[in-house]
Full PDB file with SEQRES, HELIX, SHEET, SSBOND, CRYST1, ORIGX, SCALE, CONECT and MASTER records, all heavy atoms in Angstrom:
SEQRES   1 A   35  GLN ILE LEU LEU PRO PHE SER THR SER TYR MET CYS GLU          
SEQRES   2 A   35  SER ALA PHE SER ILE LEU GLU VAL THR LYS THR LYS LYS          
SEQRES   3 A   35  ARG SER THR LEU LYS ASP ILE GLU SER                          
HELIX    1 AA1 LEU A    4  THR A   22  1                                  19    
HELIX    2 AA2 LYS A   25  ARG A   27  5                                   3    
CRYST1    1.000    1.000    1.000  90.00  90.00  90.00 P 1           1          
ORIGX1      1.000000  0.000000  0.000000        0.00000                         
ORIGX2      0.000000  1.000000  0.000000        0.00000                         
ORIGX3      0.000000  0.000000  1.000000        0.00000                         
SCALE1      1.000000  0.000000  0.000000        0.00000                         
SCALE2      0.000000  1.000000  0.000000        0.00000                         
SCALE3      0.000000  0.000000  1.000000        0.00000                         
ATOM      1  N   GLN A   1      31.248 -42.614   4.828  1.00  0.00           N  
ATOM      2  CA  GLN A   1      32.384 -42.299   3.893  1.00  0.00           C  
ATOM      3  C   GLN A   1      31.950 -42.353   2.478  1.00  0.00           C  
ATOM      4  O   GLN A   1      32.445 -41.631   1.628  1.00  0.00           O  
ATOM      5  CB  GLN A   1      33.616 -43.180   4.136  1.00  0.00           C  
ATOM      6  CG  GLN A   1      34.357 -42.921   5.451  1.00  0.00           C  
ATOM      7  CD  GLN A   1      35.404 -43.909   5.731  1.00  0.00           C  
ATOM      8  OE1 GLN A   1      35.456 -45.087   5.186  1.00  0.00           O  
ATOM      9  NE2 GLN A   1      36.292 -43.564   6.577  1.00  0.00           N  
ATOM     10  N   ILE A   2      31.042 -43.310   2.157  1.00  0.00           N  
ATOM     11  CA  ILE A   2      30.513 -43.396   0.771  1.00  0.00           C  
ATOM     12  C   ILE A   2      29.557 -42.308   0.529  1.00  0.00           C  
ATOM     13  O   ILE A   2      29.564 -41.779  -0.576  1.00  0.00           O  
ATOM     14  CB  ILE A   2      29.844 -44.750   0.633  1.00  0.00           C  
ATOM     15  CG1 ILE A   2      30.874 -45.886   0.755  1.00  0.00           C  
ATOM     16  CG2 ILE A   2      29.046 -44.856  -0.658  1.00  0.00           C  
ATOM     17  CD1 ILE A   2      30.290 -47.327   0.851  1.00  0.00           C  
ATOM     18  N   LEU A   3      28.720 -41.935   1.442  1.00  0.00           N  
ATOM     19  CA  LEU A   3      27.705 -40.857   1.181  1.00  0.00           C  
ATOM     20  C   LEU A   3      28.351 -39.451   1.235  1.00  0.00           C  
ATOM     21  O   LEU A   3      27.750 -38.608   0.534  1.00  0.00           O  
ATOM     22  CB  LEU A   3      26.649 -40.945   2.262  1.00  0.00           C  
ATOM     23  CG  LEU A   3      25.675 -42.189   2.206  1.00  0.00           C  
ATOM     24  CD1 LEU A   3      24.792 -42.231   3.435  1.00  0.00           C  
ATOM     25  CD2 LEU A   3      24.875 -42.121   0.911  1.00  0.00           C  
ATOM     26  N   LEU A   4      29.405 -39.253   1.913  1.00  0.00           N  
ATOM     27  CA  LEU A   4      29.904 -37.829   2.045  1.00  0.00           C  
ATOM     28  C   LEU A   4      30.217 -37.150   0.863  1.00  0.00           C  
ATOM     29  O   LEU A   4      29.904 -35.985   0.638  1.00  0.00           O  
ATOM     30  CB  LEU A   4      31.116 -37.874   3.040  1.00  0.00           C  
ATOM     31  CG  LEU A   4      31.662 -36.552   3.462  1.00  0.00           C  
ATOM     32  CD1 LEU A   4      30.688 -35.758   4.302  1.00  0.00           C  
ATOM     33  CD2 LEU A   4      32.924 -36.694   4.194  1.00  0.00           C  
ATOM     34  N   PRO A   5      30.917 -37.700  -0.119  1.00  0.00           N  
ATOM     35  CA  PRO A   5      31.272 -37.039  -1.360  1.00  0.00           C  
ATOM     36  C   PRO A   5      30.093 -36.505  -2.138  1.00  0.00           C  
ATOM     37  O   PRO A   5      30.117 -35.379  -2.743  1.00  0.00           O  
ATOM     38  CB  PRO A   5      31.992 -37.992  -2.202  1.00  0.00           C  
ATOM     39  CG  PRO A   5      32.533 -39.015  -1.263  1.00  0.00           C  
ATOM     40  CD  PRO A   5      31.576 -39.073  -0.158  1.00  0.00           C  
ATOM     41  N   PHE A   6      28.925 -37.189  -2.070  1.00  0.00           N  
ATOM     42  CA  PHE A   6      27.784 -36.717  -2.841  1.00  0.00           C  
ATOM     43  C   PHE A   6      27.132 -35.554  -2.128  1.00  0.00           C  
ATOM     44  O   PHE A   6      26.744 -34.570  -2.852  1.00  0.00           O  
ATOM     45  CB  PHE A   6      26.734 -37.885  -2.955  1.00  0.00           C  
ATOM     46  CG  PHE A   6      27.266 -39.051  -3.699  1.00  0.00           C  
ATOM     47  CD1 PHE A   6      27.714 -40.166  -3.051  1.00  0.00           C  
ATOM     48  CD2 PHE A   6      27.423 -38.949  -5.083  1.00  0.00           C  
ATOM     49  CE1 PHE A   6      28.213 -41.209  -3.808  1.00  0.00           C  
ATOM     50  CE2 PHE A   6      27.939 -39.997  -5.782  1.00  0.00           C  
ATOM     51  CZ  PHE A   6      28.331 -41.196  -5.167  1.00  0.00           C  
ATOM     52  N   SER A   7      27.057 -35.462  -0.940  1.00  0.00           N  
ATOM     53  CA  SER A   7      26.433 -34.395  -0.227  1.00  0.00           C  
ATOM     54  C   SER A   7      27.301 -33.129  -0.275  1.00  0.00           C  
ATOM     55  O   SER A   7      26.816 -32.008  -0.458  1.00  0.00           O  
ATOM     56  CB  SER A   7      26.071 -34.683   1.220  1.00  0.00           C  
ATOM     57  OG  SER A   7      27.259 -35.087   1.899  1.00  0.00           O  
ATOM     58  N   THR A   8      28.584 -33.381  -0.110  1.00  0.00           N  
ATOM     59  CA  THR A   8      29.513 -32.104  -0.154  1.00  0.00           C  
ATOM     60  C   THR A   8      29.612 -31.566  -1.610  1.00  0.00           C  
ATOM     61  O   THR A   8      29.609 -30.312  -1.736  1.00  0.00           O  
ATOM     62  CB  THR A   8      30.903 -32.495   0.323  1.00  0.00           C  
ATOM     63  OG1 THR A   8      31.419 -33.558  -0.304  1.00  0.00           O  
ATOM     64  CG2 THR A   8      30.831 -32.746   1.827  1.00  0.00           C  
ATOM     65  N   SER A   9      29.616 -32.450  -2.578  1.00  0.00           N  
ATOM     66  CA  SER A   9      29.663 -31.864  -3.937  1.00  0.00           C  
ATOM     67  C   SER A   9      28.375 -31.150  -4.251  1.00  0.00           C  
ATOM     68  O   SER A   9      28.340 -30.168  -4.988  1.00  0.00           O  
ATOM     69  CB  SER A   9      30.001 -32.939  -4.898  1.00  0.00           C  
ATOM     70  OG  SER A   9      29.007 -33.964  -5.095  1.00  0.00           O  
ATOM     71  N   TYR A  10      27.254 -31.690  -3.746  1.00  0.00           N  
ATOM     72  CA  TYR A  10      25.950 -31.022  -3.996  1.00  0.00           C  
ATOM     73  C   TYR A  10      25.999 -29.677  -3.356  1.00  0.00           C  
ATOM     74  O   TYR A  10      25.525 -28.644  -3.973  1.00  0.00           O  
ATOM     75  CB  TYR A  10      24.804 -31.842  -3.432  1.00  0.00           C  
ATOM     76  CG  TYR A  10      23.479 -31.119  -3.362  1.00  0.00           C  
ATOM     77  CD1 TYR A  10      22.779 -30.892  -4.580  1.00  0.00           C  
ATOM     78  CD2 TYR A  10      23.066 -30.548  -2.190  1.00  0.00           C  
ATOM     79  CE1 TYR A  10      21.585 -30.221  -4.522  1.00  0.00           C  
ATOM     80  CE2 TYR A  10      21.851 -29.813  -2.167  1.00  0.00           C  
ATOM     81  CZ  TYR A  10      21.111 -29.621  -3.343  1.00  0.00           C  
ATOM     82  OH  TYR A  10      19.972 -28.968  -3.324  1.00  0.00           O  
ATOM     83  N   MET A  11      26.480 -29.556  -2.139  1.00  0.00           N  
ATOM     84  CA  MET A  11      26.589 -28.287  -1.496  1.00  0.00           C  
ATOM     85  C   MET A  11      27.470 -27.283  -2.223  1.00  0.00           C  
ATOM     86  O   MET A  11      27.077 -26.100  -2.323  1.00  0.00           O  
ATOM     87  CB  MET A  11      27.011 -28.458  -0.017  1.00  0.00           C  
ATOM     88  CG  MET A  11      25.980 -29.152   0.798  1.00  0.00           C  
ATOM     89  SD  MET A  11      26.528 -29.762   2.413  1.00  0.00           S  
ATOM     90  CE  MET A  11      27.427 -28.454   3.067  1.00  0.00           C  
ATOM     91  N   CYS A  12      28.573 -27.728  -2.700  1.00  0.00           N  
ATOM     92  CA  CYS A  12      29.452 -26.836  -3.455  1.00  0.00           C  
ATOM     93  C   CYS A  12      28.817 -26.370  -4.745  1.00  0.00           C  
ATOM     94  O   CYS A  12      28.906 -25.201  -5.079  1.00  0.00           O  
ATOM     95  CB  CYS A  12      30.725 -27.582  -3.729  1.00  0.00           C  
ATOM     96  SG  CYS A  12      31.780 -27.850  -2.301  1.00  0.00           S  
ATOM     97  N   GLU A  13      28.201 -27.247  -5.486  1.00  0.00           N  
ATOM     98  CA  GLU A  13      27.476 -26.980  -6.758  1.00  0.00           C  
ATOM     99  C   GLU A  13      26.373 -25.951  -6.514  1.00  0.00           C  
ATOM    100  O   GLU A  13      26.183 -25.036  -7.229  1.00  0.00           O  
ATOM    101  CB  GLU A  13      26.948 -28.172  -7.425  1.00  0.00           C  
ATOM    102  CG  GLU A  13      28.060 -29.105  -7.950  1.00  0.00           C  
ATOM    103  CD  GLU A  13      28.779 -28.515  -9.095  1.00  0.00           C  
ATOM    104  OE1 GLU A  13      28.167 -27.727  -9.881  1.00  0.00           O  
ATOM    105  OE2 GLU A  13      29.955 -28.958  -9.284  1.00  0.00           O  
ATOM    106  N   SER A  14      25.523 -26.135  -5.446  1.00  0.00           N  
ATOM    107  CA  SER A  14      24.444 -25.254  -5.190  1.00  0.00           C  
ATOM    108  C   SER A  14      25.005 -23.885  -4.771  1.00  0.00           C  
ATOM    109  O   SER A  14      24.408 -22.752  -5.157  1.00  0.00           O  
ATOM    110  CB  SER A  14      23.537 -25.767  -4.120  1.00  0.00           C  
ATOM    111  OG  SER A  14      24.108 -25.952  -2.919  1.00  0.00           O  
ATOM    112  N   ALA A  15      26.109 -23.809  -4.034  1.00  0.00           N  
ATOM    113  CA  ALA A  15      26.728 -22.545  -3.602  1.00  0.00           C  
ATOM    114  C   ALA A  15      27.209 -21.842  -4.812  1.00  0.00           C  
ATOM    115  O   ALA A  15      27.013 -20.586  -5.013  1.00  0.00           O  
ATOM    116  CB  ALA A  15      27.841 -22.783  -2.629  1.00  0.00           C  
ATOM    117  N   PHE A  16      27.871 -22.537  -5.707  1.00  0.00           N  
ATOM    118  CA  PHE A  16      28.310 -21.898  -6.896  1.00  0.00           C  
ATOM    119  C   PHE A  16      27.217 -21.338  -7.713  1.00  0.00           C  
ATOM    120  O   PHE A  16      27.283 -20.250  -8.326  1.00  0.00           O  
ATOM    121  CB  PHE A  16      29.168 -22.911  -7.743  1.00  0.00           C  
ATOM    122  CG  PHE A  16      29.778 -22.279  -8.976  1.00  0.00           C  
ATOM    123  CD1 PHE A  16      30.848 -21.289  -8.871  1.00  0.00           C  
ATOM    124  CD2 PHE A  16      29.217 -22.528 -10.246  1.00  0.00           C  
ATOM    125  CE1 PHE A  16      31.391 -20.751 -10.027  1.00  0.00           C  
ATOM    126  CE2 PHE A  16      29.735 -21.917 -11.389  1.00  0.00           C  
ATOM    127  CZ  PHE A  16      30.816 -21.007 -11.279  1.00  0.00           C  
ATOM    128  N   SER A  17      26.097 -22.120  -7.847  1.00  0.00           N  
ATOM    129  CA  SER A  17      24.940 -21.607  -8.636  1.00  0.00           C  
ATOM    130  C   SER A  17      24.343 -20.328  -7.998  1.00  0.00           C  
ATOM    131  O   SER A  17      23.979 -19.453  -8.748  1.00  0.00           O  
ATOM    132  CB  SER A  17      23.852 -22.696  -8.658  1.00  0.00           C  
ATOM    133  OG  SER A  17      24.326 -23.821  -9.364  1.00  0.00           O  
ATOM    134  N   ILE A  18      24.326 -20.317  -6.715  1.00  0.00           N  
ATOM    135  CA  ILE A  18      23.703 -19.095  -6.014  1.00  0.00           C  
ATOM    136  C   ILE A  18      24.740 -17.935  -6.243  1.00  0.00           C  
ATOM    137  O   ILE A  18      24.308 -16.833  -6.546  1.00  0.00           O  
ATOM    138  CB  ILE A  18      23.500 -19.413  -4.608  1.00  0.00           C  
ATOM    139  CG1 ILE A  18      22.271 -20.334  -4.449  1.00  0.00           C  
ATOM    140  CG2 ILE A  18      23.255 -18.087  -3.777  1.00  0.00           C  
ATOM    141  CD1 ILE A  18      22.039 -20.864  -3.042  1.00  0.00           C  
ATOM    142  N   LEU A  19      25.989 -18.168  -6.206  1.00  0.00           N  
ATOM    143  CA  LEU A  19      27.017 -17.162  -6.466  1.00  0.00           C  
ATOM    144  C   LEU A  19      26.841 -16.612  -7.867  1.00  0.00           C  
ATOM    145  O   LEU A  19      26.824 -15.368  -8.037  1.00  0.00           O  
ATOM    146  CB  LEU A  19      28.408 -17.689  -6.238  1.00  0.00           C  
ATOM    147  CG  LEU A  19      29.546 -16.713  -6.604  1.00  0.00           C  
ATOM    148  CD1 LEU A  19      29.571 -15.535  -5.574  1.00  0.00           C  
ATOM    149  CD2 LEU A  19      30.875 -17.494  -6.543  1.00  0.00           C  
ATOM    150  N   GLU A  20      26.605 -17.484  -8.812  1.00  0.00           N  
ATOM    151  CA  GLU A  20      26.513 -17.111 -10.173  1.00  0.00           C  
ATOM    152  C   GLU A  20      25.158 -16.202 -10.402  1.00  0.00           C  
ATOM    153  O   GLU A  20      25.279 -15.215 -11.104  1.00  0.00           O  
ATOM    154  CB  GLU A  20      26.328 -18.332 -11.092  1.00  0.00           C  
ATOM    155  CG  GLU A  20      26.567 -18.120 -12.584  1.00  0.00           C  
ATOM    156  CD  GLU A  20      26.592 -19.352 -13.313  1.00  0.00           C  
ATOM    157  OE1 GLU A  20      25.923 -20.362 -12.915  1.00  0.00           O  
ATOM    158  OE2 GLU A  20      27.306 -19.365 -14.303  1.00  0.00           O  
ATOM    159  N   VAL A  21      24.142 -16.555  -9.711  1.00  0.00           N  
ATOM    160  CA  VAL A  21      22.939 -15.693  -9.787  1.00  0.00           C  
ATOM    161  C   VAL A  21      23.059 -14.423  -9.060  1.00  0.00           C  
ATOM    162  O   VAL A  21      22.618 -13.389  -9.580  1.00  0.00           O  
ATOM    163  CB  VAL A  21      21.741 -16.573  -9.206  1.00  0.00           C  
ATOM    164  CG1 VAL A  21      20.550 -15.634  -8.979  1.00  0.00           C  
ATOM    165  CG2 VAL A  21      21.438 -17.726 -10.090  1.00  0.00           C  
ATOM    166  N   THR A  22      23.792 -14.432  -7.932  1.00  0.00           N  
ATOM    167  CA  THR A  22      23.889 -13.200  -7.098  1.00  0.00           C  
ATOM    168  C   THR A  22      24.842 -12.182  -7.805  1.00  0.00           C  
ATOM    169  O   THR A  22      24.546 -10.984  -7.843  1.00  0.00           O  
ATOM    170  CB  THR A  22      24.457 -13.552  -5.702  1.00  0.00           C  
ATOM    171  OG1 THR A  22      23.614 -14.501  -5.104  1.00  0.00           O  
ATOM    172  CG2 THR A  22      24.571 -12.280  -4.848  1.00  0.00           C  
ATOM    173  N   LYS A  23      25.944 -12.735  -8.389  1.00  0.00           N  
ATOM    174  CA  LYS A  23      26.949 -11.740  -8.860  1.00  0.00           C  
ATOM    175  C   LYS A  23      26.756 -11.708 -10.439  1.00  0.00           C  
ATOM    176  O   LYS A  23      27.523 -12.239 -11.167  1.00  0.00           O  
ATOM    177  CB  LYS A  23      28.289 -12.215  -8.555  1.00  0.00           C  
ATOM    178  CG  LYS A  23      29.328 -11.089  -8.617  1.00  0.00           C  
ATOM    179  CD  LYS A  23      30.586 -11.457  -7.903  1.00  0.00           C  
ATOM    180  CE  LYS A  23      31.499 -10.246  -7.973  1.00  0.00           C  
ATOM    181  NZ  LYS A  23      32.680 -10.407  -7.179  1.00  0.00           N  
ATOM    182  N   THR A  24      25.716 -11.009 -10.841  1.00  0.00           N  
ATOM    183  CA  THR A  24      25.467 -10.854 -12.310  1.00  0.00           C  
ATOM    184  C   THR A  24      26.214  -9.685 -12.814  1.00  0.00           C  
ATOM    185  O   THR A  24      26.991  -9.008 -12.067  1.00  0.00           O  
ATOM    186  CB  THR A  24      23.953 -10.603 -12.529  1.00  0.00           C  
ATOM    187  OG1 THR A  24      23.611  -9.356 -11.827  1.00  0.00           O  
ATOM    188  CG2 THR A  24      23.114 -11.718 -11.982  1.00  0.00           C  
ATOM    189  N   LYS A  25      26.082  -9.419 -14.136  1.00  0.00           N  
ATOM    190  CA  LYS A  25      26.831  -8.273 -14.750  1.00  0.00           C  
ATOM    191  C   LYS A  25      26.424  -6.954 -14.076  1.00  0.00           C  
ATOM    192  O   LYS A  25      27.256  -6.103 -13.888  1.00  0.00           O  
ATOM    193  CB  LYS A  25      26.540  -8.215 -16.257  1.00  0.00           C  
ATOM    194  CG  LYS A  25      27.229  -9.280 -17.004  1.00  0.00           C  
ATOM    195  CD  LYS A  25      26.910  -9.117 -18.499  1.00  0.00           C  
ATOM    196  CE  LYS A  25      27.601 -10.156 -19.305  1.00  0.00           C  
ATOM    197  NZ  LYS A  25      27.397 -10.091 -20.698  1.00  0.00           N  
ATOM    198  N   LYS A  26      25.172  -6.802 -13.727  1.00  0.00           N  
ATOM    199  CA  LYS A  26      24.738  -5.533 -13.115  1.00  0.00           C  
ATOM    200  C   LYS A  26      25.196  -5.400 -11.703  1.00  0.00           C  
ATOM    201  O   LYS A  26      25.239  -4.307 -11.184  1.00  0.00           O  
ATOM    202  CB  LYS A  26      23.180  -5.500 -13.030  1.00  0.00           C  
ATOM    203  CG  LYS A  26      22.647  -5.462 -14.555  1.00  0.00           C  
ATOM    204  CD  LYS A  26      21.111  -5.399 -14.515  1.00  0.00           C  
ATOM    205  CE  LYS A  26      20.674  -5.354 -15.919  1.00  0.00           C  
ATOM    206  NZ  LYS A  26      19.212  -5.475 -15.957  1.00  0.00           N  
ATOM    207  N   ARG A  27      25.606  -6.473 -11.023  1.00  0.00           N  
ATOM    208  CA  ARG A  27      26.059  -6.485  -9.698  1.00  0.00           C  
ATOM    209  C   ARG A  27      27.558  -6.918  -9.558  1.00  0.00           C  
ATOM    210  O   ARG A  27      27.980  -7.446  -8.513  1.00  0.00           O  
ATOM    211  CB  ARG A  27      25.153  -7.330  -8.808  1.00  0.00           C  
ATOM    212  CG  ARG A  27      23.754  -6.859  -8.743  1.00  0.00           C  
ATOM    213  CD  ARG A  27      22.926  -7.752  -7.844  1.00  0.00           C  
ATOM    214  NE  ARG A  27      23.215  -7.537  -6.476  1.00  0.00           N  
ATOM    215  CZ  ARG A  27      22.757  -8.295  -5.518  1.00  0.00           C  
ATOM    216  NH1 ARG A  27      22.037  -9.316  -5.790  1.00  0.00           N  
ATOM    217  NH2 ARG A  27      23.064  -8.018  -4.279  1.00  0.00           N  
ATOM    218  N   SER A  28      28.283  -6.685 -10.621  1.00  0.00           N  
ATOM    219  CA  SER A  28      29.654  -7.252 -10.665  1.00  0.00           C  
ATOM    220  C   SER A  28      30.596  -6.477  -9.671  1.00  0.00           C  
ATOM    221  O   SER A  28      31.638  -6.940  -9.328  1.00  0.00           O  
ATOM    222  CB  SER A  28      30.194  -7.160 -12.112  1.00  0.00           C  
ATOM    223  OG  SER A  28      30.272  -5.781 -12.448  1.00  0.00           O  
ATOM    224  N   THR A  29      30.245  -5.295  -9.216  1.00  0.00           N  
ATOM    225  CA  THR A  29      31.070  -4.556  -8.304  1.00  0.00           C  
ATOM    226  C   THR A  29      30.802  -4.930  -6.850  1.00  0.00           C  
ATOM    227  O   THR A  29      31.413  -4.353  -5.992  1.00  0.00           O  
ATOM    228  CB  THR A  29      30.858  -2.979  -8.497  1.00  0.00           C  
ATOM    229  OG1 THR A  29      29.480  -2.747  -8.275  1.00  0.00           O  
ATOM    230  CG2 THR A  29      31.287  -2.610  -9.901  1.00  0.00           C  
ATOM    231  N   LEU A  30      29.935  -5.904  -6.642  1.00  0.00           N  
ATOM    232  CA  LEU A  30      29.633  -6.308  -5.267  1.00  0.00           C  
ATOM    233  C   LEU A  30      30.887  -6.882  -4.686  1.00  0.00           C  
ATOM    234  O   LEU A  30      31.455  -7.927  -5.182  1.00  0.00           O  
ATOM    235  CB  LEU A  30      28.501  -7.365  -5.351  1.00  0.00           C  
ATOM    236  CG  LEU A  30      27.914  -7.827  -4.072  1.00  0.00           C  
ATOM    237  CD1 LEU A  30      27.200  -6.694  -3.423  1.00  0.00           C  
ATOM    238  CD2 LEU A  30      26.868  -8.958  -4.331  1.00  0.00           C  
ATOM    239  N   LYS A  31      31.375  -6.246  -3.622  1.00  0.00           N  
ATOM    240  CA  LYS A  31      32.642  -6.701  -3.003  1.00  0.00           C  
ATOM    241  C   LYS A  31      32.410  -7.700  -1.914  1.00  0.00           C  
ATOM    242  O   LYS A  31      33.156  -8.720  -1.821  1.00  0.00           O  
ATOM    243  CB  LYS A  31      33.382  -5.488  -2.437  1.00  0.00           C  
ATOM    244  CG  LYS A  31      33.683  -4.503  -3.468  1.00  0.00           C  
ATOM    245  CD  LYS A  31      35.066  -4.694  -4.141  1.00  0.00           C  
ATOM    246  CE  LYS A  31      35.437  -3.510  -5.031  1.00  0.00           C  
ATOM    247  NZ  LYS A  31      35.444  -3.788  -6.382  1.00  0.00           N  
ATOM    248  N   ASP A  32      31.507  -7.414  -0.957  1.00  0.00           N  
ATOM    249  CA  ASP A  32      31.286  -8.298   0.160  1.00  0.00           C  
ATOM    250  C   ASP A  32      30.318  -9.375  -0.148  1.00  0.00           C  
ATOM    251  O   ASP A  32      29.167  -9.322   0.199  1.00  0.00           O  
ATOM    252  CB  ASP A  32      30.802  -7.376   1.358  1.00  0.00           C  
ATOM    253  CG  ASP A  32      30.708  -8.262   2.615  1.00  0.00           C  
ATOM    254  OD1 ASP A  32      31.377  -9.305   2.741  1.00  0.00           O  
ATOM    255  OD2 ASP A  32      29.920  -7.890   3.539  1.00  0.00           O  
ATOM    256  N   ILE A  33      30.786 -10.389  -0.915  1.00  0.00           N  
ATOM    257  CA  ILE A  33      29.851 -11.440  -1.355  1.00  0.00           C  
ATOM    258  C   ILE A  33      29.565 -12.491  -0.209  1.00  0.00           C  
ATOM    259  O   ILE A  33      28.600 -13.193  -0.284  1.00  0.00           O  
ATOM    260  CB  ILE A  33      30.454 -12.163  -2.653  1.00  0.00           C  
ATOM    261  CG1 ILE A  33      29.310 -12.937  -3.343  1.00  0.00           C  
ATOM    262  CG2 ILE A  33      31.640 -12.990  -2.251  1.00  0.00           C  
ATOM    263  CD1 ILE A  33      28.415 -12.100  -3.996  1.00  0.00           C  
ATOM    264  N   GLU A  34      30.421 -12.583   0.777  1.00  0.00           N  
ATOM    265  CA  GLU A  34      30.271 -13.558   1.865  1.00  0.00           C  
ATOM    266  C   GLU A  34      28.926 -13.409   2.613  1.00  0.00           C  
ATOM    267  O   GLU A  34      28.221 -14.379   2.812  1.00  0.00           O  
ATOM    268  CB  GLU A  34      31.406 -13.470   2.916  1.00  0.00           C  
ATOM    269  CG  GLU A  34      32.758 -13.939   2.366  1.00  0.00           C  
ATOM    270  CD  GLU A  34      33.558 -12.788   1.771  1.00  0.00           C  
ATOM    271  OE1 GLU A  34      33.193 -11.659   1.972  1.00  0.00           O  
ATOM    272  OE2 GLU A  34      34.576 -13.086   1.067  1.00  0.00           O  
ATOM    273  N   SER A  35      28.579 -12.146   2.895  1.00  0.00           N  
ATOM    274  CA  SER A  35      27.299 -11.865   3.645  1.00  0.00           C  
ATOM    275  C   SER A  35      26.077 -12.292   2.716  1.00  0.00           C  
ATOM    276  O   SER A  35      25.147 -12.983   3.150  1.00  0.00           O  
ATOM    277  CB  SER A  35      27.123 -10.458   3.966  1.00  0.00           C  
ATOM    278  OG  SER A  35      28.236 -10.055   4.760  1.00  0.00           O  
TER     279      SER A  35                                                      
MASTER        0    0    0    2    0    0    0    6  278    1    0    3          
END                                                                             
């Protein structure tokens, strides 16, 4: 229970960073981002 918040927040932060890199201005029309 003590360790869980750190690992889940890390996963969320890394997912957001990857999303930010993937969906750049040049690829802003990318609709199916889940794949």
